Amino acid sequence: MTQHIIDEHYMARCIQIAKNGLGSTYPNPFVGSIIVHNDKVIGEGFTSKYGGPHAEVNAINSVKDKTLLHECTIYVTLEPCSHFGKTPPCCDLIITKNFKRVVIGTLDPFAKVNGQGYLRLLENGIDVTLGILEEECKQLNTRFFTFHQKKRPYIILKWAQTQDGYMGHDDVQKWITNGFSRQLVHKWRTEEQAILVGKKTALIDDPQLNTRFWEGNNPLRISIDKFLVIPRNYNLYDQSTPTVIFNAIKDSSQENLNLVKINFEENIIPPILEYLYQKNIQSLIIEGGNDTINSFIKMGIWDEARILSSDVFWNEGIRAPKVNGERISQYSVLNDHVTVIRNL
């Protein structure tokens, strides 16, 4: 095999183990790293929870015989950091350990890195290969890249629909999908930083918007309620987890509950996304309802749609949204079907 093919093989492993950090590393990206000595993997690591060691550090710490490191190649999906944050620069550690070679999937778009880590490694005489499985590594951290390049969260639209294309009924809550699909949705919630519903969905469903069916972090709960008509005894006001309600009435702040006043005479999507950007929220899953989802579709401000389709027929109700894009995956959850579409 050529060196390029070998590098792709090991980088694919880095991508695989990096996914262990999805949902727990924000605002850091989730990164995978492996250490290879004489064509044998002797160390692996992925990014710890925010504030903990990065992937490279965990990979190095997992190596039993650290006297071998100067003979090793370290693979990492994202350019090693070159600045002091919650932890010291990974570049400095790699240089100190005198690695023979570093293979990087893609550069880091974060302004404090963005090529500086790559250059520091080169300047210290390390053999560096850049761009192995680059697109796959970018896709791995598409939330992180979207946030830093587009200055907004990565936006996921999610809804369930019947076989005949309905997503709900006015004033009535009816389940469309099976229990396993609902559990999957809670898993998705643990992977994102924020979740949003409109006023109508909040009034009809009284959703908790938490992750009670899956182990993981609760996302920031967000609702849009122009005149603050959602009753105060509803779940959104229970202060069990951080919640933001955008409205036209007032600003106020309590424990786990912020009312944020915005101008409803103008398009409300830009100020909402700007607020989330300023709060360092890198991903947002929008769970309804129809009007809210369609407002993002009409503006073209969405990155991914996840559609859960059941085998039931309603013959009436609220029509589900329609999106155009690239279908990137499709799979079944018992009698339900999940389709994932990427915005082009």
Foldseek 3Di string as FASTA:
>chain_A
DDPLVLLLVVVVVFLVVLVVCFLFAPPDFKKKKFKDAPNDTQFIAIQHGHLDDHGLVRRCVSHPDLVCQLRIEMEMAEQFACPDDSHHTPLVVSLVSNHQEYEYQAYQLPPNGRPVSVVVCVVSPHHYHYNRPNVSSCVSRVLNCCCSPVVFAAEEEEFEAEPVFAGFAQLEDDDFDDPVVVLVVLVVQSRFAEEEEEPRCCQRPLDLQANVSDDHGRHEYEYEDAVPPRDCPGNQNPLPAAYEYEYQPDFDDDRSYTYHYDDPVDDPVVVVRNVCSVVSGRHYYYYDDQVVVVVCQVVLNHFKYKYKYAHDDDPDRHGHDDHDAAFDDWDDDVRIIITMGGHD
